[in-house]
N, C-alpha and C. Protein backbone atom coordinates (compact mmCIF):
# COMPACT_ATOMS: atom_id res chain seq x y z
N MET A 1 77.59 68.51 92.21
CA MET A 1 78.17 69.67 91.31
C MET A 1 79.25 70.41 92.03
N MET A 2 80.31 70.73 91.26
CA MET A 2 81.54 71.26 91.73
C MET A 2 81.27 72.92 92.06
N LYS A 3 81.81 73.23 93.13
CA LYS A 3 81.57 74.73 93.36
C LYS A 3 82.81 75.49 92.80
N THR A 4 82.61 76.57 91.93
CA THR A 4 83.72 77.15 91.20
C THR A 4 83.86 78.59 91.60
N ASN A 5 84.88 79.11 91.25
CA ASN A 5 85.28 80.46 91.58
C ASN A 5 84.79 81.52 90.68
N LYS A 6 83.81 82.29 90.95
CA LYS A 6 83.29 83.26 90.15
C LYS A 6 83.90 84.57 90.01
N LYS A 7 84.84 84.90 91.02
CA LYS A 7 85.42 86.29 91.23
C LYS A 7 86.54 86.33 90.03
N GLY A 8 87.16 85.38 89.63
CA GLY A 8 88.09 85.39 88.59
C GLY A 8 89.47 85.88 89.16
N LEU A 9 89.80 85.49 90.53
CA LEU A 9 90.98 85.64 91.10
C LEU A 9 91.31 87.05 91.35
N ALA A 10 90.35 88.06 91.32
CA ALA A 10 90.62 89.31 91.48
C ALA A 10 91.04 89.64 92.89
N THR A 11 90.61 89.01 93.91
CA THR A 11 90.97 89.30 95.24
C THR A 11 92.47 88.69 95.43
N GLY A 12 92.82 87.82 94.70
CA GLY A 12 94.24 87.17 94.90
C GLY A 12 95.30 88.34 94.35
N LEU A 13 94.86 88.93 93.24
CA LEU A 13 95.73 89.99 92.64
C LEU A 13 95.77 91.21 93.62
N LEU A 14 94.74 91.59 94.29
CA LEU A 14 94.64 92.68 95.09
C LEU A 14 95.41 92.40 96.55
N VAL A 15 95.37 91.10 96.94
CA VAL A 15 96.14 90.75 98.19
C VAL A 15 97.59 90.93 97.85
N ILE A 16 98.09 90.34 96.62
CA ILE A 16 99.50 90.29 96.23
C ILE A 16 100.03 91.88 96.14
N VAL A 17 99.05 92.78 95.57
CA VAL A 17 99.53 94.15 95.52
C VAL A 17 99.63 94.85 96.83
N ILE A 18 98.76 94.59 97.72
CA ILE A 18 98.83 95.23 98.86
C ILE A 18 99.72 94.58 99.90
N PHE A 19 100.03 93.27 99.85
CA PHE A 19 100.99 92.61 100.72
C PHE A 19 102.36 92.91 100.37
N MET A 20 102.71 93.25 98.90
CA MET A 20 104.06 93.49 98.65
C MET A 20 104.33 94.94 98.93
N PHE A 21 103.32 95.80 98.69
CA PHE A 21 103.78 97.29 99.10
C PHE A 21 104.04 97.31 100.66
N VAL A 22 103.26 96.75 101.40
CA VAL A 22 103.45 96.74 102.83
C VAL A 22 104.81 96.30 103.26
N PHE A 23 105.08 95.14 102.48
CA PHE A 23 106.40 94.40 102.79
C PHE A 23 107.53 95.53 102.52
N ALA A 24 107.56 96.10 101.33
CA ALA A 24 108.42 97.16 100.85
C ALA A 24 108.62 98.33 101.79
N LEU A 25 107.44 98.64 102.29
CA LEU A 25 107.52 99.87 103.33
C LEU A 25 108.25 99.34 104.69
N MET A 26 107.85 98.13 104.97
CA MET A 26 108.50 97.61 106.22
C MET A 26 109.92 97.40 105.97
N SER A 27 110.37 97.13 104.96
CA SER A 27 111.91 96.97 104.66
C SER A 27 112.63 98.31 104.61
N LEU A 28 111.85 99.33 104.01
CA LEU A 28 112.52 100.70 104.17
C LEU A 28 112.53 101.13 105.50
N LEU A 29 111.39 101.23 106.18
CA LEU A 29 111.27 101.77 107.44
C LEU A 29 112.32 101.05 108.49
N SER A 30 112.48 99.70 108.42
CA SER A 30 113.57 98.95 109.17
C SER A 30 114.97 99.33 109.05
N ILE A 31 115.32 99.52 107.79
CA ILE A 31 116.65 100.01 107.26
C ILE A 31 116.85 101.43 107.95
N THR A 32 115.85 102.10 107.63
CA THR A 32 116.10 103.70 108.15
C THR A 32 116.03 103.62 109.65
N LEU A 33 115.20 103.02 110.49
CA LEU A 33 115.32 103.09 111.83
C LEU A 33 116.44 102.37 112.42
N PHE A 34 117.08 101.38 111.83
CA PHE A 34 118.37 100.86 112.19
C PHE A 34 119.54 101.88 111.93
N ASP A 35 119.41 102.59 110.77
CA ASP A 35 120.44 103.58 110.76
C ASP A 35 120.25 104.69 111.72
N GLU A 36 119.25 104.96 112.16
CA GLU A 36 119.13 106.04 113.31
C GLU A 36 119.66 105.44 114.53
N PHE A 37 119.30 104.21 114.91
CA PHE A 37 119.73 103.64 116.30
C PHE A 37 121.30 103.46 116.03
N ASN A 38 121.80 102.82 115.11
CA ASN A 38 123.23 102.78 114.75
C ASN A 38 123.94 104.13 114.97
N GLY A 39 123.39 105.09 114.48
CA GLY A 39 124.02 106.45 114.68
C GLY A 39 124.03 106.96 115.90
N SER A 40 122.91 106.63 116.55
CA SER A 40 122.95 107.03 118.05
C SER A 40 123.91 106.23 118.98
N ILE A 41 124.13 104.88 118.72
CA ILE A 41 125.09 104.10 119.45
C ILE A 41 126.37 104.51 118.99
N GLN A 42 126.71 104.74 117.75
CA GLN A 42 128.10 105.15 117.49
C GLN A 42 128.44 106.59 118.06
N ASN A 43 127.50 107.44 118.36
CA ASN A 43 127.86 108.73 118.83
C ASN A 43 128.16 108.90 120.33
N MET A 44 127.75 107.84 120.99
CA MET A 44 127.87 107.57 122.46
C MET A 44 129.31 107.56 122.71
N ASP A 45 129.65 107.81 124.01
CA ASP A 45 131.12 107.84 124.23
C ASP A 45 131.54 106.42 124.63
N ASN A 46 132.77 106.01 124.47
CA ASN A 46 133.31 104.61 124.81
C ASN A 46 133.21 104.34 126.11
N GLU A 47 133.05 105.20 127.12
CA GLU A 47 132.81 104.73 128.45
C GLU A 47 131.30 104.16 128.71
N THR A 48 130.32 104.69 127.92
CA THR A 48 129.03 104.07 128.11
C THR A 48 128.88 102.86 127.33
N ILE A 49 129.36 102.72 126.03
CA ILE A 49 129.28 101.44 125.27
C ILE A 49 130.85 101.30 124.74
N SER A 50 131.27 99.97 124.90
CA SER A 50 132.65 99.82 124.51
C SER A 50 132.73 99.66 122.94
N PRO A 51 133.77 100.05 122.45
CA PRO A 51 134.20 100.02 120.96
C PRO A 51 133.82 98.57 120.31
N ALA A 52 134.05 97.46 121.16
CA ALA A 52 133.75 96.33 120.58
C ALA A 52 132.09 95.91 120.32
N VAL A 53 131.42 96.56 121.25
CA VAL A 53 129.88 96.49 121.00
C VAL A 53 129.47 97.24 119.87
N LYS A 54 130.08 98.56 119.81
CA LYS A 54 129.85 99.35 118.68
C LYS A 54 129.98 98.69 117.36
N ALA A 55 131.32 98.04 117.27
CA ALA A 55 131.66 97.36 116.05
C ALA A 55 130.69 96.38 115.84
N LYS A 56 130.24 95.52 116.55
CA LYS A 56 129.19 94.50 116.49
C LYS A 56 127.92 94.93 116.09
N ILE A 57 127.56 96.13 116.50
CA ILE A 57 126.24 96.72 116.02
C ILE A 57 126.42 97.24 114.56
N GLU A 58 127.49 97.79 114.41
CA GLU A 58 127.87 98.20 113.00
C GLU A 58 127.82 97.00 111.98
N LEU A 59 128.25 95.94 112.48
CA LEU A 59 128.35 94.61 111.63
C LEU A 59 126.85 94.16 111.28
N LEU A 60 125.84 94.62 112.16
CA LEU A 60 124.50 93.97 111.95
C LEU A 60 123.81 94.76 110.82
N ARG A 61 124.40 95.93 110.45
CA ARG A 61 123.80 96.59 109.24
C ARG A 61 123.68 95.87 108.05
N ASP A 62 124.67 94.87 107.76
CA ASP A 62 124.51 94.19 106.42
C ASP A 62 123.39 93.14 106.63
N LYS A 63 123.01 92.77 107.73
CA LYS A 63 122.02 91.76 107.99
C LYS A 63 120.59 92.43 107.59
N MET A 64 120.58 93.59 107.58
CA MET A 64 119.24 94.41 107.49
C MET A 64 118.87 94.28 105.91
N LEU A 65 119.84 94.00 104.99
CA LEU A 65 119.57 94.19 103.66
C LEU A 65 118.86 92.84 103.05
N TRP A 66 118.47 91.93 103.97
CA TRP A 66 117.75 90.65 103.40
C TRP A 66 116.42 90.93 102.95
N GLY A 67 115.78 91.98 103.43
CA GLY A 67 114.31 92.42 102.96
C GLY A 67 114.34 92.64 101.62
N ASP A 68 115.37 93.23 100.82
CA ASP A 68 115.21 93.44 99.45
C ASP A 68 115.32 92.19 98.60
N LYS A 69 116.16 91.20 98.98
CA LYS A 69 116.12 89.97 98.29
C LYS A 69 114.94 89.29 98.49
N LEU A 70 114.25 89.30 99.79
CA LEU A 70 113.32 88.47 100.13
C LEU A 70 112.08 89.15 99.44
N PHE A 71 111.99 90.43 99.27
CA PHE A 71 111.00 91.14 98.48
C PHE A 71 110.97 90.55 96.93
N ALA A 72 112.16 90.47 96.58
CA ALA A 72 112.11 89.89 95.05
C ALA A 72 111.70 88.38 94.97
N PHE A 73 111.72 87.60 95.78
CA PHE A 73 111.49 86.29 95.99
C PHE A 73 110.07 86.19 96.17
N PHE A 74 109.55 86.90 97.15
CA PHE A 74 108.11 86.88 97.39
C PHE A 74 107.21 87.26 96.12
N PHE A 75 107.81 88.27 95.46
CA PHE A 75 107.21 88.92 94.41
C PHE A 75 107.06 87.94 93.31
N VAL A 76 108.09 87.25 93.01
CA VAL A 76 108.20 86.20 91.84
C VAL A 76 107.38 85.05 92.28
N ALA A 77 107.47 84.54 93.72
CA ALA A 77 106.69 83.51 94.06
C ALA A 77 105.26 83.64 94.20
N LEU A 78 104.80 84.79 94.57
CA LEU A 78 103.25 85.12 94.44
C LEU A 78 102.78 85.24 93.17
N LEU A 79 103.61 85.85 92.22
CA LEU A 79 103.10 85.83 90.85
C LEU A 79 102.93 84.51 90.23
N ILE A 80 103.96 83.65 90.54
CA ILE A 80 103.82 82.25 90.08
C ILE A 80 102.73 81.55 90.57
N ALA A 81 102.53 81.61 91.93
CA ALA A 81 101.26 81.03 92.52
C ALA A 81 99.94 81.59 91.99
N TYR A 82 99.91 82.89 91.75
CA TYR A 82 98.77 83.32 91.23
C TYR A 82 98.48 82.75 89.71
N LEU A 83 99.49 82.65 88.95
CA LEU A 83 99.35 82.10 87.52
C LEU A 83 99.04 80.64 87.71
N ILE A 84 99.62 79.98 88.62
CA ILE A 84 99.28 78.39 88.71
C ILE A 84 97.82 78.35 89.09
N SER A 85 97.36 79.04 90.02
CA SER A 85 95.99 78.96 90.54
C SER A 85 95.11 79.57 89.44
N SER A 86 95.44 80.44 88.45
CA SER A 86 94.62 80.61 87.21
C SER A 86 94.47 79.54 86.43
N VAL A 87 95.52 78.59 86.41
CA VAL A 87 95.35 77.50 85.46
C VAL A 87 94.55 76.45 86.27
N THR A 88 94.56 76.22 87.56
CA THR A 88 94.17 75.06 88.16
C THR A 88 92.53 75.17 88.70
N ILE A 89 92.24 76.45 88.93
CA ILE A 89 90.78 76.86 89.25
C ILE A 89 89.82 76.92 88.23
N THR A 90 88.78 76.28 88.32
CA THR A 90 87.96 76.18 87.10
C THR A 90 86.89 77.36 87.27
N THR A 91 86.23 77.67 86.25
CA THR A 91 85.02 78.74 86.21
C THR A 91 84.20 78.19 85.29
N GLU A 92 82.75 78.59 85.46
CA GLU A 92 81.76 78.15 84.60
C GLU A 92 81.20 79.41 84.12
N ASN A 93 81.63 80.58 84.58
CA ASN A 93 80.93 81.81 84.21
C ASN A 93 81.97 82.86 83.50
N PRO A 94 82.21 82.60 82.18
CA PRO A 94 83.25 83.62 81.52
C PRO A 94 82.64 85.05 81.31
N GLU A 95 81.28 85.15 81.51
CA GLU A 95 80.62 86.39 81.39
C GLU A 95 81.18 87.43 82.59
N TYR A 96 81.96 86.87 83.62
CA TYR A 96 82.57 87.72 84.61
C TYR A 96 83.84 88.38 84.06
N LEU A 97 84.27 87.89 82.84
CA LEU A 97 85.62 88.55 82.29
C LEU A 97 85.66 90.06 82.29
N PHE A 98 84.41 90.77 81.91
CA PHE A 98 84.28 92.03 81.70
C PHE A 98 84.68 92.63 83.21
N ILE A 99 83.85 92.17 84.18
CA ILE A 99 84.14 92.63 85.47
C ILE A 99 85.44 92.56 85.94
N PHE A 100 86.03 91.25 85.57
CA PHE A 100 87.45 91.22 86.14
C PHE A 100 88.32 92.16 85.44
N PHE A 101 88.14 92.56 84.13
CA PHE A 101 88.95 93.59 83.40
C PHE A 101 88.84 94.95 84.14
N ILE A 102 87.61 95.28 84.63
CA ILE A 102 87.48 96.55 85.33
C ILE A 102 88.19 96.43 86.55
N LEU A 103 88.12 95.18 87.42
CA LEU A 103 88.94 95.08 88.57
C LEU A 103 90.46 95.15 88.33
N ILE A 104 90.93 94.59 87.29
CA ILE A 104 92.29 94.71 86.86
C ILE A 104 92.73 96.20 86.79
N LEU A 105 91.87 97.03 86.13
CA LEU A 105 92.23 98.41 86.00
C LEU A 105 92.22 99.11 87.19
N LEU A 106 91.11 98.79 88.07
CA LEU A 106 91.22 99.38 89.47
C LEU A 106 92.54 98.96 90.28
N THR A 107 92.91 97.74 90.25
CA THR A 107 94.08 97.19 90.90
C THR A 107 95.17 97.86 90.32
N SER A 108 95.38 98.14 88.79
CA SER A 108 96.45 98.90 88.31
C SER A 108 96.47 100.43 88.84
N LEU A 109 95.16 100.95 89.07
CA LEU A 109 95.33 102.34 89.57
C LEU A 109 95.79 102.37 90.96
N LEU A 110 95.46 101.40 91.73
CA LEU A 110 95.98 101.27 93.04
C LEU A 110 97.47 101.17 93.04
N CYS A 111 97.95 100.25 92.22
CA CYS A 111 99.43 100.16 91.97
C CYS A 111 99.99 101.47 91.59
N MET A 112 99.39 102.33 90.74
CA MET A 112 99.94 103.65 90.43
C MET A 112 100.06 104.43 91.52
N VAL A 113 99.07 104.39 92.59
CA VAL A 113 99.17 105.15 93.62
C VAL A 113 100.32 104.79 94.56
N PHE A 114 100.29 103.40 94.73
CA PHE A 114 101.61 102.79 95.50
C PHE A 114 102.88 103.18 94.97
N SER A 115 102.93 103.13 93.48
CA SER A 115 104.25 103.48 93.04
C SER A 115 104.70 104.79 93.07
N ASN A 116 103.67 105.83 93.03
CA ASN A 116 103.84 107.15 93.29
C ASN A 116 104.26 107.52 94.73
N THR A 117 103.59 106.78 95.54
CA THR A 117 103.90 106.92 97.07
C THR A 117 105.22 106.39 97.30
N TRP A 118 105.69 105.42 96.77
CA TRP A 118 107.03 104.82 96.92
C TRP A 118 108.00 106.00 96.45
N ALA A 119 107.89 106.41 95.12
CA ALA A 119 108.68 107.22 94.61
C ALA A 119 108.91 108.63 95.39
N PHE A 120 107.73 109.10 96.05
CA PHE A 120 107.83 110.33 96.86
C PHE A 120 108.59 109.91 98.27
N MET A 121 108.29 108.73 98.83
CA MET A 121 109.02 108.34 100.03
C MET A 121 110.56 108.22 99.80
N ILE A 122 110.92 107.71 98.66
CA ILE A 122 112.51 107.38 98.76
C ILE A 122 113.23 108.65 98.22
N GLU A 123 112.53 109.93 97.93
CA GLU A 123 113.11 111.13 97.66
C GLU A 123 113.36 111.90 98.86
N GLN A 124 112.62 111.55 100.13
CA GLN A 124 112.63 112.03 101.41
C GLN A 124 114.00 111.98 101.95
N PRO A 125 114.82 112.96 102.56
CA PRO A 125 116.03 112.83 102.99
C PRO A 125 116.21 111.84 104.07
N ASN A 126 115.18 111.47 104.90
CA ASN A 126 115.34 110.33 105.80
C ASN A 126 115.46 109.15 105.13
N PHE A 127 115.01 108.87 104.01
CA PHE A 127 114.84 107.42 103.29
C PHE A 127 115.93 107.26 102.27
N VAL A 128 116.65 108.29 101.82
CA VAL A 128 117.52 108.27 100.42
C VAL A 128 118.54 107.11 100.68
N VAL A 129 119.28 107.15 101.91
CA VAL A 129 120.19 106.16 102.08
C VAL A 129 119.82 104.80 102.06
N ALA A 130 118.54 104.57 102.58
CA ALA A 130 117.96 103.19 102.72
C ALA A 130 117.49 102.79 101.36
N ALA A 131 116.97 103.75 100.58
CA ALA A 131 116.21 103.35 99.29
C ALA A 131 117.41 102.94 98.30
N THR A 132 118.46 103.57 98.41
CA THR A 132 119.79 103.22 97.37
C THR A 132 119.93 101.76 97.61
N GLU A 133 119.84 101.15 98.83
CA GLU A 133 120.36 99.84 98.83
C GLU A 133 119.15 98.83 98.76
N LEU A 134 117.99 99.27 98.38
CA LEU A 134 116.78 98.43 97.96
C LEU A 134 116.54 98.36 96.42
N SER A 135 117.65 97.85 95.81
CA SER A 135 117.59 97.79 94.32
C SER A 135 116.45 97.02 93.70
N PHE A 136 116.33 95.88 94.22
CA PHE A 136 115.25 95.00 93.70
C PHE A 136 113.89 95.72 93.74
N THR A 137 113.62 96.11 95.20
CA THR A 137 112.42 96.80 95.49
C THR A 137 112.05 97.93 94.76
N ASN A 138 113.15 98.92 94.66
CA ASN A 138 113.11 100.03 93.79
C ASN A 138 112.59 99.76 92.38
N TYR A 139 113.25 98.81 91.73
CA TYR A 139 112.98 98.47 90.26
C TYR A 139 111.47 98.00 90.25
N ILE A 140 111.13 96.98 90.98
CA ILE A 140 109.82 96.42 90.93
C ILE A 140 108.71 97.51 91.22
N LEU A 141 108.78 98.19 92.18
CA LEU A 141 107.93 99.33 92.67
C LEU A 141 107.82 100.44 91.50
N SER A 142 108.97 100.60 90.85
CA SER A 142 109.00 101.69 89.92
C SER A 142 108.06 101.23 88.68
N TYR A 143 107.94 100.01 88.36
CA TYR A 143 107.23 99.51 87.34
C TYR A 143 105.91 98.62 87.80
N TYR A 144 105.61 98.96 88.98
CA TYR A 144 104.59 98.15 89.70
C TYR A 144 103.37 97.99 88.89
N PRO A 145 102.74 99.16 88.48
CA PRO A 145 101.36 98.99 87.83
C PRO A 145 101.69 98.06 86.42
N ILE A 146 102.79 98.28 85.71
CA ILE A 146 102.86 97.49 84.56
C ILE A 146 102.91 95.98 84.85
N PHE A 147 103.71 95.55 85.95
CA PHE A 147 103.73 94.21 86.27
C PHE A 147 102.57 93.60 86.67
N MET A 148 101.81 94.31 87.43
CA MET A 148 100.37 93.83 87.95
C MET A 148 99.35 93.75 86.88
N PHE A 149 99.38 94.76 86.07
CA PHE A 149 98.58 94.69 84.87
C PHE A 149 98.64 93.50 84.00
N LEU A 150 99.86 93.28 83.65
CA LEU A 150 100.32 92.21 82.79
C LEU A 150 99.85 90.90 83.41
N THR A 151 100.20 90.86 84.61
CA THR A 151 99.97 89.74 85.47
C THR A 151 98.44 89.37 85.47
N GLY A 152 97.60 90.32 85.82
CA GLY A 152 96.29 90.26 85.60
C GLY A 152 95.57 89.72 84.52
N ILE A 153 96.12 90.33 83.31
CA ILE A 153 95.74 90.03 81.98
C ILE A 153 96.05 88.67 81.74
N LEU A 154 97.33 88.15 81.91
CA LEU A 154 97.74 86.80 81.64
C LEU A 154 96.94 85.77 82.55
N GLY A 155 96.69 86.18 83.77
CA GLY A 155 95.88 85.33 84.68
C GLY A 155 94.45 85.20 84.16
N ALA A 156 93.88 86.33 83.71
CA ALA A 156 92.48 86.31 83.07
C ALA A 156 92.61 85.55 81.96
N GLY A 157 93.47 85.63 81.18
CA GLY A 157 93.59 84.69 79.88
C GLY A 157 93.67 83.18 80.26
N LEU A 158 94.59 82.85 81.30
CA LEU A 158 94.49 81.54 81.70
C LEU A 158 93.38 80.98 82.45
N PHE A 159 92.55 81.99 83.18
CA PHE A 159 91.42 81.63 83.90
C PHE A 159 90.20 81.32 83.08
N TYR A 160 89.96 82.29 82.09
CA TYR A 160 88.71 82.28 81.38
C TYR A 160 88.79 81.66 79.91
N ALA A 161 90.11 81.28 79.39
CA ALA A 161 90.21 80.93 78.16
C ALA A 161 90.07 79.37 77.93
N ARG A 162 89.68 78.61 79.11
CA ARG A 162 89.53 77.19 79.23
C ARG A 162 88.20 76.79 79.00
N LYS A 163 88.09 75.40 78.60
CA LYS A 163 86.74 74.87 78.60
C LYS A 163 86.34 74.63 79.96
N LYS A 164 84.96 74.56 80.20
CA LYS A 164 84.69 74.08 81.45
C LYS A 164 85.06 72.59 81.86
N SER A 165 85.48 72.30 83.08
CA SER A 165 85.80 71.09 83.30
C SER A 165 85.30 70.73 84.76
N GLY A 166 85.63 69.33 85.03
CA GLY A 166 84.97 69.02 86.22
C GLY A 166 86.13 68.95 87.23
N ASN A 167 87.31 68.75 86.93
CA ASN A 167 88.41 68.65 87.79
C ASN A 167 89.54 69.68 87.75
N GLY A 168 89.33 70.77 87.14
CA GLY A 168 90.42 71.92 87.07
C GLY A 168 91.54 71.36 86.14
N GLY A 169 92.40 72.58 85.79
CA GLY A 169 93.39 72.26 85.10
C GLY A 169 93.22 72.35 83.53
N GLY A 170 91.88 72.37 83.34
CA GLY A 170 91.67 72.44 81.76
C GLY A 170 91.44 71.16 81.16
N PHE A 171 91.55 70.08 81.80
CA PHE A 171 91.57 68.78 81.24
C PHE A 171 90.09 68.14 81.45
N SER A 172 89.63 67.27 80.61
CA SER A 172 88.50 66.61 80.79
C SER A 172 88.37 65.78 82.02
N SER A 173 87.21 65.28 82.29
CA SER A 173 86.90 64.57 83.54
C SER A 173 87.48 63.12 83.53
N ASN A 174 88.46 62.98 82.70
CA ASN A 174 89.18 61.57 82.46
C ASN A 174 89.83 61.30 83.78
N LYS A 175 89.75 60.08 84.27
CA LYS A 175 90.28 59.89 85.41
C LYS A 175 91.77 59.06 85.21
N GLY A 176 92.21 59.10 84.03
CA GLY A 176 93.49 58.70 83.88
C GLY A 176 93.55 57.13 83.15
N GLY A 177 92.43 56.54 83.16
CA GLY A 177 92.29 55.30 82.52
C GLY A 177 92.53 55.25 80.97
N ASP A 178 92.01 56.18 80.30
CA ASP A 178 92.24 56.30 78.89
C ASP A 178 92.58 57.60 78.58
N LEU A 179 93.66 57.72 77.71
CA LEU A 179 94.29 59.12 77.26
C LEU A 179 93.59 59.68 75.98
N GLU A 180 92.66 59.18 75.42
CA GLU A 180 92.19 59.45 74.16
C GLU A 180 91.44 60.88 74.20
N ASN A 181 90.90 61.32 75.33
CA ASN A 181 90.04 62.47 75.44
C ASN A 181 90.93 63.42 76.09
N VAL A 182 92.21 63.48 76.65
CA VAL A 182 92.78 64.44 77.18
C VAL A 182 93.19 65.66 76.45
N PHE A 183 93.52 65.54 75.15
CA PHE A 183 93.85 66.70 74.40
C PHE A 183 92.77 67.19 73.58
N GLU A 184 91.60 67.13 73.99
CA GLU A 184 90.57 67.70 73.19
C GLU A 184 90.46 69.16 73.25
């Protein structure tokens, strides 16, 4: 007998929510800290640090913006992975769907807290400059509860709307020898 996932992928959605928020915070903090560091270096006199070194440090500022594009890539990649796993993992207990919907609502509430926390942080004077340069991150976290709720509902639909099967993916236990039962 095949062991099935009875949680309905709720932990996967929760991990995505927390991971992406922590990643966004680290991006915001790293840009802010680099700006403070760069400001301190640029304020030093030229006898302490040469102008050439100051210019090289100033050029490193553009390298700090990789976090925004990486955030968008991770967000899309993790959502695609979540939806693929919703299709490929089998379940034999559709009665957990109600519990899963409650977990989706709780996850959406957590996303609301994270979204409001992000909105509060980017309004602070220390983070305003860094936040304006994180365009993908700002957009995604502004609509974070909506994105995650819809992803959870779509994942639940894919996960629970299939017939029971022995090999995952929603197909019968056909081993590929004959194709007449594949599209039942």
